[in-house]
PDB file of N, CA and C in Angstrom:
ATOM      1  N   MET A   1       8.437  -1.418 -15.910  1.00  0.00           N
ATOM      2  CA  MET A   1       7.786  -1.946 -17.132  1.00  0.00           C
ATOM      3  C   MET A   1       7.168  -0.636 -17.983  1.00  0.00           C
ATOM      4  N   HIS A   2       7.028   0.171 -17.453  1.00  0.00           N
ATOM      5  CA  HIS A   2       6.606   1.738 -18.361  1.00  0.00           C
ATOM      6  C   HIS A   2       7.716   1.851 -19.371  1.00  0.00           C
ATOM      7  N   ARG A   3       8.568   2.080 -18.578  1.00  0.00           N
ATOM      8  CA  ARG A   3      10.046   2.527 -19.669  1.00  0.00           C
ATOM      9  C   ARG A   3      10.380   0.985 -20.561  1.00  0.00           C
ATOM     10  N   ILE A   4       9.870  -0.301 -20.364  1.00  0.00           N
ATOM     11  CA  ILE A   4      10.313  -0.844 -21.652  1.00  0.00           C
ATOM     12  C   ILE A   4       8.973  -0.702 -22.458  1.00  0.00           C
ATOM     13  N   LYS A   5       7.745  -0.389 -22.285  1.00  0.00           N
ATOM     14  CA  LYS A   5       6.929  -0.126 -23.123  1.00  0.00           C
ATOM     15  C   LYS A   5       7.345   1.152 -23.743  1.00  0.00           C
ATOM     16  N   PHE A   6       7.559   1.926 -23.123  1.00  0.00           N
ATOM     17  CA  PHE A   6       7.886   2.829 -23.772  1.00  0.00           C
ATOM     18  C   PHE A   6       9.119   2.999 -25.303  1.00  0.00           C
ATOM     19  N   MET A   7      10.136   2.408 -24.790  1.00  0.00           N
ATOM     20  CA  MET A   7      11.582   1.959 -25.754  1.00  0.00           C
ATOM     21  C   MET A   7      10.580   1.337 -26.643  1.00  0.00           C
ATOM     22  N   ILE A   8       9.477  -0.113 -26.716  1.00  0.00           N
ATOM     23  CA  ILE A   8       9.354  -0.301 -27.561  1.00  0.00           C
ATOM     24  C   ILE A   8       8.372   0.197 -28.641  1.00  0.00           C
ATOM     25  N   LYS A   9       7.481   1.160 -27.953  1.00  0.00           N
ATOM     26  CA  LYS A   9       6.575   2.158 -28.943  1.00  0.00           C
ATOM     27  C   LYS A   9       7.785   3.123 -29.480  1.00  0.00           C
ATOM     28  N   GLN A  10       8.966   3.431 -29.121  1.00  0.00           N
ATOM     29  CA  GLN A  10       9.841   4.142 -29.763  1.00  0.00           C
ATOM     30  C   GLN A  10      10.367   3.703 -30.923  1.00  0.00           C
ATOM     31  N   PHE A  11      10.415   2.260 -30.640  1.00  0.00           N
ATOM     32  CA  PHE A  11      11.445   1.572 -31.685  1.00  0.00           C
ATOM     33  C   PHE A  11      10.391   1.531 -33.078  1.00  0.00           C
ATOM     34  N   LEU A  12       9.137   1.295 -32.665  1.00  0.00           N
ATOM     35  CA  LEU A  12       8.062   0.785 -33.705  1.00  0.00           C
ATOM     36  C   LEU A  12       8.015   2.149 -34.831  1.00  0.00           C
ATOM     37  N   LYS A  13       8.067   3.194 -34.215  1.00  0.00           N
ATOM     38  CA  LYS A  13       7.827   4.447 -34.983  1.00  0.00           C
ATOM     39  C   LYS A  13       8.985   4.571 -35.460  1.00  0.00           C
ATOM     40  N   GLU A  14       9.906   4.332 -35.295  1.00  0.00           N
ATOM     41  CA  GLU A  14      11.217   4.904 -36.384  1.00  0.00           C
ATOM     42  C   GLU A  14      11.221   4.398 -37.852  1.00  0.00           C
ATOM     43  N   PRO A  15      12.272   4.850 -38.526  1.00  0.00           N
ATOM     44  CA  PRO A  15      11.993   5.044 -39.714  1.00  0.00           C
ATOM     45  C   PRO A  15      12.905   3.237 -40.237  1.00  0.00           C
ATOM     46  N   LEU A  16      12.277   2.632 -41.635  1.00  0.00           N
ATOM     47  CA  LEU A  16      12.418   1.716 -41.571  1.00  0.00           C
ATOM     48  C   LEU A  16      14.132   1.161 -41.502  1.00  0.00           C
ATOM     49  N   TRP A  17      14.905   1.737 -42.071  1.00  0.00           N
ATOM     50  CA  TRP A  17      16.134   1.785 -42.083  1.00  0.00           C
ATOM     51  C   TRP A  17      16.516   1.552 -40.484  1.00  0.00           C
ATOM     52  N   PHE A  18      16.243   2.483 -39.900  1.00  0.00           N
ATOM     53  CA  PHE A  18      16.746   2.450 -38.529  1.00  0.00           C
ATOM     54  C   PHE A  18      16.348   1.108 -37.879  1.00  0.00           C
ATOM     55  N   LYS A  19      15.397   0.769 -38.154  1.00  0.00           N
ATOM     56  CA  LYS A  19      14.787  -0.935 -37.233  1.00  0.00           C
ATOM     57  C   LYS A  19      15.613  -1.816 -37.814  1.00  0.00           C
ATOM     58  N   ILE A  20      15.689  -1.656 -39.794  1.00  0.00           N
ATOM     59  CA  ILE A  20      17.073  -2.834 -39.943  1.00  0.00           C
ATOM     60  C   ILE A  20      18.401  -2.614 -39.352  1.00  0.00           C
ATOM     61  N   LEU A  21      18.958  -1.418 -39.250  1.00  0.00           N
ATOM     62  CA  LEU A  21      20.261  -1.216 -38.615  1.00  0.00           C
ATOM     63  C   LEU A  21      20.478  -1.724 -37.275  1.00  0.00           C
ATOM     64  N   ILE A  22      19.382  -1.561 -36.417  1.00  0.00           N
ATOM     65  CA  ILE A  22      19.353  -1.683 -35.149  1.00  0.00           C
ATOM     66  C   ILE A  22      19.610  -3.421 -35.092  1.00  0.00           C
ATOM     67  N   SER A  23      18.417  -4.177 -35.233  1.00  0.00           N
ATOM     68  CA  SER A  23      18.133  -5.414 -35.577  1.00  0.00           C
ATOM     69  C   SER A  23      19.290  -6.277 -36.064  1.00  0.00           C
ATOM     70  N   ALA A  24      19.957  -6.289 -37.490  1.00  0.00           N
ATOM     71  CA  ALA A  24      20.785  -6.388 -37.987  1.00  0.00           C
ATOM     72  C   ALA A  24      22.157  -6.462 -36.991  1.00  0.00           C
ATOM     73  N   THR A  25      22.471  -5.224 -36.140  1.00  0.00           N
ATOM     74  CA  THR A  25      23.694  -5.012 -35.776  1.00  0.00           C
ATOM     75  C   THR A  25      23.498  -5.874 -34.503  1.00  0.00           C
ATOM     76  N   LEU A  26      22.608  -6.033 -33.790  1.00  0.00           N
ATOM     77  CA  LEU A  26      22.249  -6.875 -32.524  1.00  0.00           C
ATOM     78  C   LEU A  26      22.502  -8.084 -32.897  1.00  0.00           C
ATOM     79  N   LEU A  27      21.681  -8.594 -33.532  1.00  0.00           N
ATOM     80  CA  LEU A  27      21.671 -10.334 -34.274  1.00  0.00           C
ATOM     81  C   LEU A  27      23.100 -10.599 -34.662  1.00  0.00           C
ATOM     82  N   ILE A  28      23.677  -9.748 -35.452  1.00  0.00           N
ATOM     83  CA  ILE A  28      25.327  -9.967 -35.244  1.00  0.00           C
ATOM     84  C   ILE A  28      26.094 -10.338 -34.366  1.00  0.00           C
ATOM     85  N   SER A  29      25.933  -9.192 -33.364  1.00  0.00           N
ATOM     86  CA  SER A  29      26.579  -9.248 -32.349  1.00  0.00           C
ATOM     87  C   SER A  29      25.851 -10.492 -31.511  1.00  0.00           C
ATOM     88  N   ILE A  30      25.145 -11.135 -31.370  1.00  0.00           N
ATOM     89  CA  ILE A  30      25.096 -12.149 -30.541  1.00  0.00           C
ATOM     90  C   ILE A  30      25.222 -13.296 -31.525  1.00  0.00           C
ATOM     91  N   VAL A  31      24.947 -13.439 -32.745  1.00  0.00           N
ATOM     92  CA  VAL A  31      25.724 -14.774 -33.050  1.00  0.00           C
ATOM     93  C   VAL A  31      27.009 -14.918 -33.205  1.00  0.00           C
ATOM     94  N   PHE A  32      27.804 -13.721 -33.565  1.00  0.00           N
ATOM     95  CA  PHE A  32      29.148 -14.180 -33.497  1.00  0.00           C
ATOM     96  C   PHE A  32      29.702 -14.213 -32.360  1.00  0.00           C
ATOM     97  N   SER A  33      29.190 -13.623 -31.268  1.00  0.00           N
ATOM     98  CA  SER A  33      29.828 -13.682 -30.084  1.00  0.00           C
ATOM     99  C   SER A  33      29.467 -15.197 -29.501  1.00  0.00           C
ATOM    100  N   SER A  34      28.937 -15.896 -29.925  1.00  0.00           N
ATOM    101  CA  SER A  34      28.306 -16.931 -29.432  1.00  0.00           C
ATOM    102  C   SER A  34      29.648 -18.276 -29.026  1.00  0.00           C
ATOM    103  N   SER A  35      29.550 -18.900 -28.591  1.00  0.00           N
ATOM    104  CA  SER A  35      30.440 -20.001 -28.046  1.00  0.00           C
ATOM    105  C   SER A  35      31.079 -20.787 -29.244  1.00  0.00           C
ATOM    106  N   PHE A  36      30.028 -21.245 -30.476  1.00  0.00           N
ATOM    107  CA  PHE A  36      30.407 -21.622 -31.413  1.00  0.00           C
ATOM    108  C   PHE A  36      31.247 -21.358 -32.335  1.00  0.00           C
ATOM    109  N   LEU A  37      31.858 -19.888 -32.082  1.00  0.00           N
ATOM    110  CA  LEU A  37      32.353 -18.904 -32.947  1.00  0.00           C
ATOM    111  C   LEU A  37      33.345 -18.524 -32.097  1.00  0.00           C
ATOM    112  N   SER A  38      33.698 -18.854 -30.864  1.00  0.00           N
ATOM    113  CA  SER A  38      34.435 -18.083 -29.693  1.00  0.00           C
ATOM    114  C   SER A  38      35.872 -18.027 -30.625  1.00  0.00           C
ATOM    115  N   ASN A  39      36.240 -19.535 -31.335  1.00  0.00           N
ATOM    116  CA  ASN A  39      37.839 -19.769 -31.506  1.00  0.00           C
ATOM    117  C   ASN A  39      38.275 -18.670 -32.677  1.00  0.00           C
ATOM    118  N   ASN A  40      37.555 -17.938 -33.038  1.00  0.00           N
ATOM    119  CA  ASN A  40      38.072 -17.165 -34.018  1.00  0.00           C
ATOM    120  C   ASN A  40      38.052 -15.916 -33.848  1.00  0.00           C
ATOM    121  N   ALA A  41      39.264 -14.943 -33.822  1.00  0.00           N
ATOM    122  CA  ALA A  41      39.294 -13.664 -33.331  1.00  0.00           C
ATOM    123  C   ALA A  41      38.593 -12.536 -34.426  1.00  0.00           C
ATOM    124  N   TYR A  42      38.614 -13.036 -35.840  1.00  0.00           N
ATOM    125  CA  TYR A  42      37.498 -11.867 -36.539  1.00  0.00           C
ATOM    126  C   TYR A  42      36.339 -12.283 -36.091  1.00  0.00           C
ATOM    127  N   PHE A  43      35.952 -13.115 -36.140  1.00  0.00           N
ATOM    128  CA  PHE A  43      34.076 -13.059 -35.238  1.00  0.00           C
ATOM    129  C   PHE A  43      34.344 -12.230 -33.800  1.00  0.00           C
ATOM    130  N   GLN A  44      35.016 -12.610 -33.068  1.00  0.00           N
ATOM    131  CA  GLN A  44      34.638 -11.666 -31.923  1.00  0.00           C
ATOM    132  C   GLN A  44      35.078 -10.491 -32.065  1.00  0.00           C
ATOM    133  N   SER A  45      35.856 -10.087 -33.264  1.00  0.00           N
ATOM    134  CA  SER A  45      36.356  -8.698 -33.578  1.00  0.00           C
ATOM    135  C   SER A  45      34.693  -7.973 -34.212  1.00  0.00           C
ATOM    136  N   CYS A  46      34.081  -8.580 -35.242  1.00  0.00           N
ATOM    137  CA  CYS A  46      33.204  -8.478 -35.907  1.00  0.00           C
ATOM    138  C   CYS A  46      31.914  -8.170 -35.066  1.00  0.00           C
ATOM    139  N   SER A  47      31.670  -8.966 -34.049  1.00  0.00           N
ATOM    140  CA  SER A  47      30.688  -8.907 -33.164  1.00  0.00           C
ATOM    141  C   SER A  47      30.767  -7.572 -32.065  1.00  0.00           C
ATOM    142  N   LYS A  48      31.826  -7.308 -31.799  1.00  0.00           N
ATOM    143  CA  LYS A  48      32.309  -6.159 -31.034  1.00  0.00           C
ATOM    144  C   LYS A  48      31.996  -4.706 -31.854  1.00  0.00           C
ATOM    145  N   LEU A  49      32.243  -4.852 -33.153  1.00  0.00           N
ATOM    146  CA  LEU A  49      32.125  -3.889 -33.983  1.00  0.00           C
ATOM    147  C   LEU A  49      30.693  -3.617 -34.157  1.00  0.00           C
ATOM    148  N   ALA A  50      29.965  -4.632 -34.424  1.00  0.00           N
ATOM    149  CA  ALA A  50      28.415  -4.484 -34.693  1.00  0.00           C
ATOM    150  C   ALA A  50      27.588  -3.812 -33.353  1.00  0.00           C
ATOM    151  N   ALA A  51      28.409  -4.400 -32.158  1.00  0.00           N
ATOM    152  CA  ALA A  51      28.060  -3.782 -30.857  1.00  0.00           C
ATOM    153  C   ALA A  51      28.034  -2.134 -30.549  1.00  0.00           C
ATOM    154  N   ALA A  52      29.329  -1.993 -31.323  1.00  0.00           N
ATOM    155  CA  ALA A  52      29.485  -0.371 -31.547  1.00  0.00           C
ATOM    156  C   ALA A  52      28.584   0.195 -32.156  1.00  0.00           C
ATOM    157  N   ILE A  53      28.613  -0.316 -33.502  1.00  0.00           N
ATOM    158  CA  ILE A  53      27.474   0.386 -34.027  1.00  0.00           C
ATOM    159  C   ILE A  53      26.228   0.582 -33.906  1.00  0.00           C
ATOM    160  N   PHE A  54      25.647  -0.421 -32.898  1.00  0.00           N
ATOM    161  CA  PHE A  54      24.235  -0.372 -32.194  1.00  0.00           C
ATOM    162  C   PHE A  54      24.695   0.450 -31.028  1.00  0.00           C
ATOM    163  N   PHE A  55      25.586   0.207 -30.170  1.00  0.00           N
ATOM    164  CA  PHE A  55      25.806   1.898 -29.433  1.00  0.00           C
ATOM    165  C   PHE A  55      25.754   2.848 -29.532  1.00  0.00           C
ATOM    166  N   CYS A  56      26.513   3.487 -31.249  1.00  0.00           N
ATOM    167  CA  CYS A  56      26.496   4.644 -31.675  1.00  0.00           C
ATOM    168  C   CYS A  56      25.316   4.957 -32.270  1.00  0.00           C
ATOM    169  N   ALA A  57      24.594   4.123 -32.919  1.00  0.00           N
ATOM    170  CA  ALA A  57      23.271   4.615 -33.622  1.00  0.00           C
ATOM    171  C   ALA A  57      22.160   5.099 -32.386  1.00  0.00           C
ATOM    172  N   TYR A  58      22.076   4.497 -31.284  1.00  0.00           N
ATOM    173  CA  TYR A  58      21.335   4.969 -30.196  1.00  0.00           C
ATOM    174  C   TYR A  58      21.708   6.075 -29.464  1.00  0.00           C
ATOM    175  N   ALA A  59      23.492   6.439 -29.313  1.00  0.00           N
ATOM    176  CA  ALA A  59      24.211   7.566 -28.788  1.00  0.00           C
ATOM    177  C   ALA A  59      23.410   9.096 -29.494  1.00  0.00           C
ATOM    178  N   ILE A  60      23.521   8.497 -30.970  1.00  0.00           N
ATOM    179  CA  ILE A  60      23.062   9.626 -31.990  1.00  0.00           C
ATOM    180  C   ILE A  60      21.774  10.023 -32.061  1.00  0.00           C
ATOM    181  N   LYS A  61      20.620   8.924 -31.833  1.00  0.00           N
ATOM    182  CA  LYS A  61      19.226   8.790 -31.402  1.00  0.00           C
ATOM    183  C   LYS A  61      19.067   9.753 -30.160  1.00  0.00           C
ATOM    184  N   PHE A  62      19.728   9.583 -29.164  1.00  0.00           N
ATOM    185  CA  PHE A  62      19.205  10.068 -27.707  1.00  0.00           C
ATOM    186  C   PHE A  62      20.371  11.177 -27.800  1.00  0.00           C
ATOM    187  N   ARG A  63      20.909  12.013 -28.493  1.00  0.00           N
ATOM    188  CA  ARG A  63      22.058  13.029 -28.250  1.00  0.00           C
ATOM    189  C   ARG A  63      21.396  14.242 -27.580  1.00  0.00           C
ATOM    190  N   ARG A  64      20.116  13.925 -27.585  1.00  0.00           N
ATOM    191  CA  ARG A  64      19.081  15.145 -26.523  1.00  0.00           C
ATOM    192  C   ARG A  64      19.357  14.932 -25.164  1.00  0.00           C
ATOM    193  N   ASN A  65      19.795  14.025 -25.082  1.00  0.00           N
ATOM    194  CA  ASN A  65      19.800  13.537 -23.443  1.00  0.00           C
ATOM    195  C   ASN A  65      21.199  13.086 -23.160  1.00  0.00           C
ATOM    196  N   LEU A  66      22.238  14.332 -22.341  1.00  0.00           N
ATOM    197  CA  LEU A  66      23.231  14.317 -22.755  1.00  0.00           C
ATOM    198  C   LEU A  66      23.874  13.025 -21.952  1.00  0.00           C
ATOM    199  N   VAL A  67      23.357  12.706 -20.370  1.00  0.00           N
ATOM    200  CA  VAL A  67      23.805  11.543 -19.972  1.00  0.00           C
ATOM    201  C   VAL A  67      23.830  10.213 -20.525  1.00  0.00           C
ATOM    202  N   THR A  68      22.796  10.086 -21.150  1.00  0.00           N
ATOM    203  CA  THR A  68      22.543   8.632 -21.897  1.00  0.00           C
ATOM    204  C   THR A  68      23.322   8.663 -23.487  1.00  0.00           C
ATOM    205  N   SER A  69      23.302   9.927 -23.600  1.00  0.00           N
ATOM    206  CA  SER A  69      24.164   9.876 -25.242  1.00  0.00           C
ATOM    207  C   SER A  69      25.807   9.856 -24.781  1.00  0.00           C
ATOM    208  N   VAL A  70      26.098  10.285 -23.770  1.00  0.00           N
ATOM    209  CA  VAL A  70      27.477  10.276 -23.063  1.00  0.00           C
ATOM    210  C   VAL A  70      27.647   8.918 -22.858  1.00  0.00           C
ATOM    211  N   ILE A  71      26.881   8.081 -21.905  1.00  0.00           N
ATOM    212  CA  ILE A  71      26.830   6.894 -21.680  1.00  0.00           C
ATOM    213  C   ILE A  71      27.263   5.814 -23.030  1.00  0.00           C
ATOM    214  N   LEU A  72      26.451   6.003 -23.854  1.00  0.00           N
ATOM    215  CA  LEU A  72      26.235   5.256 -25.309  1.00  0.00           C
ATOM    216  C   LEU A  72      27.669   5.360 -26.166  1.00  0.00           C
ATOM    217  N   PHE A  73      27.983   6.950 -26.213  1.00  0.00           N
ATOM    218  CA  PHE A  73      29.059   7.192 -26.944  1.00  0.00           C
ATOM    219  C   PHE A  73      30.612   6.213 -26.059  1.00  0.00           C
ATOM    220  N   THR A  74      30.627   6.563 -24.702  1.00  0.00           N
ATOM    221  CA  THR A  74      31.684   5.555 -23.980  1.00  0.00           C
ATOM    222  C   THR A  74      31.742   4.280 -24.412  1.00  0.00           C
ATOM    223  N   SER A  75      30.336   3.226 -24.465  1.00  0.00           N
ATOM    224  CA  SER A  75      30.050   2.158 -24.788  1.00  0.00           C
ATOM    225  C   SER A  75      30.521   1.582 -26.204  1.00  0.00           C
ATOM    226  N   THR A  76      30.541   2.599 -26.862  1.00  0.00           N
ATOM    227  CA  THR A  76      30.949   2.693 -28.409  1.00  0.00           C
ATOM    228  C   THR A  76      32.292   2.523 -28.225  1.00  0.00           C
ATOM    229  N   VAL A  77      33.026   3.418 -27.916  1.00  0.00           N
ATOM    230  CA  VAL A  77      34.737   3.206 -27.608  1.00  0.00           C
ATOM    231  C   VAL A  77      35.192   2.208 -26.930  1.00  0.00           C
ATOM    232  N   ILE A  78      34.531   1.879 -26.020  1.00  0.00           N
ATOM    233  CA  ILE A  78      34.444   0.601 -25.128  1.00  0.00           C
ATOM    234  C   ILE A  78      34.510  -0.653 -26.232  1.00  0.00           C
ATOM    235  N   CYS A  79      33.624  -0.636 -27.102  1.00  0.00           N
ATOM    236  CA  CYS A  79      33.242  -1.999 -27.806  1.00  0.00           C
ATOM    237  C   CYS A  79      34.640  -1.703 -28.887  1.00  0.00           C
ATOM    238  N   ILE A  80      34.998  -0.578 -29.536  1.00  0.00           N
ATOM    239  CA  ILE A  80      35.932  -0.366 -30.535  1.00  0.00           C
ATOM    240  C   ILE A  80      37.439  -0.635 -30.243  1.00  0.00           C
ATOM    241  N   PHE A  81      37.732  -0.567 -28.685  1.00  0.00           N
ATOM    242  CA  PHE A  81      38.674  -0.763 -27.983  1.00  0.00           C
ATOM    243  C   PHE A  81      38.984  -2.021 -28.137  1.00  0.00           C
ATOM    244  N   LEU A  82      38.153  -3.044 -27.515  1.00  0.00           N
ATOM    245  CA  LEU A  82      37.854  -4.541 -27.323  1.00  0.00           C
ATOM    246  C   LEU A  82      38.046  -5.022 -28.641  1.00  0.00           C
ATOM    247  N   SER A  83      37.481  -4.698 -30.180  1.00  0.00           N
ATOM    248  CA  SER A  83      37.276  -5.221 -30.901  1.00  0.00           C
ATOM    249  C   SER A  83      39.015  -5.182 -31.376  1.00  0.00           C
ATOM    250  N   ILE A  84      39.626  -4.311 -31.470  1.00  0.00           N
ATOM    251  CA  ILE A  84      41.131  -3.991 -31.810  1.00  0.00           C
ATOM    252  C   ILE A  84      41.449  -4.932 -30.996  1.00  0.00           C
ATOM    253  N   LEU A  85      41.514  -4.798 -29.913  1.00  0.00           N
ATOM    254  CA  LEU A  85      42.144  -5.802 -28.833  1.00  0.00           C
ATOM    255  C   LEU A  85      42.116  -7.243 -29.166  1.00  0.00           C
ATOM    256  N   ALA A  86      40.753  -7.400 -29.523  1.00  0.00           N
ATOM    257  CA  ALA A  86      40.624  -9.067 -29.983  1.00  0.00           C
ATOM    258  C   ALA A  86      41.241  -9.648 -31.280  1.00  0.00           C
ATOM    259  N   ILE A  87      41.396  -8.645 -32.210  1.00  0.00           N
ATOM    260  CA  ILE A  87      42.326  -8.907 -33.239  1.00  0.00           C
ATOM    261  C   ILE A  87      43.917  -8.946 -33.209  1.00  0.00           C
ATOM    262  N   TYR A  88      44.352  -8.559 -32.166  1.00  0.00           N
ATOM    263  CA  TYR A  88      45.902  -8.309 -32.065  1.00  0.00           C
ATOM    264  C   TYR A  88      46.400  -9.326 -30.749  1.00  0.00           C
ATOM    265  N   LYS A  89      44.981 -10.073 -30.210  1.00  0.00           N
ATOM    266  CA  LYS A  89      45.260 -10.920 -29.443  1.00  0.00           C
ATOM    267  C   LYS A  89      46.209 -12.443 -29.520  1.00  0.00           C
TER     268      LYS A  89
END
């Protein structure tokens, strides 16, 4: 619970552009991955690209913590790979 409170406090201290970027990419990822839009490969690809931007933004943010940064950059690469795979499927 303390870690969640810390993450919320940290998010509220961020600049406005970062809050907008994170919120928008998270919202796009959730909306485009919904079952209503699951028939279109481009929406699925866009959803995965938005998730990649989300992970990359936080990986850059946490670059001082090597383990966390590597995990988030790895998630970014996986999302990009899955996005490409979704288009050519």
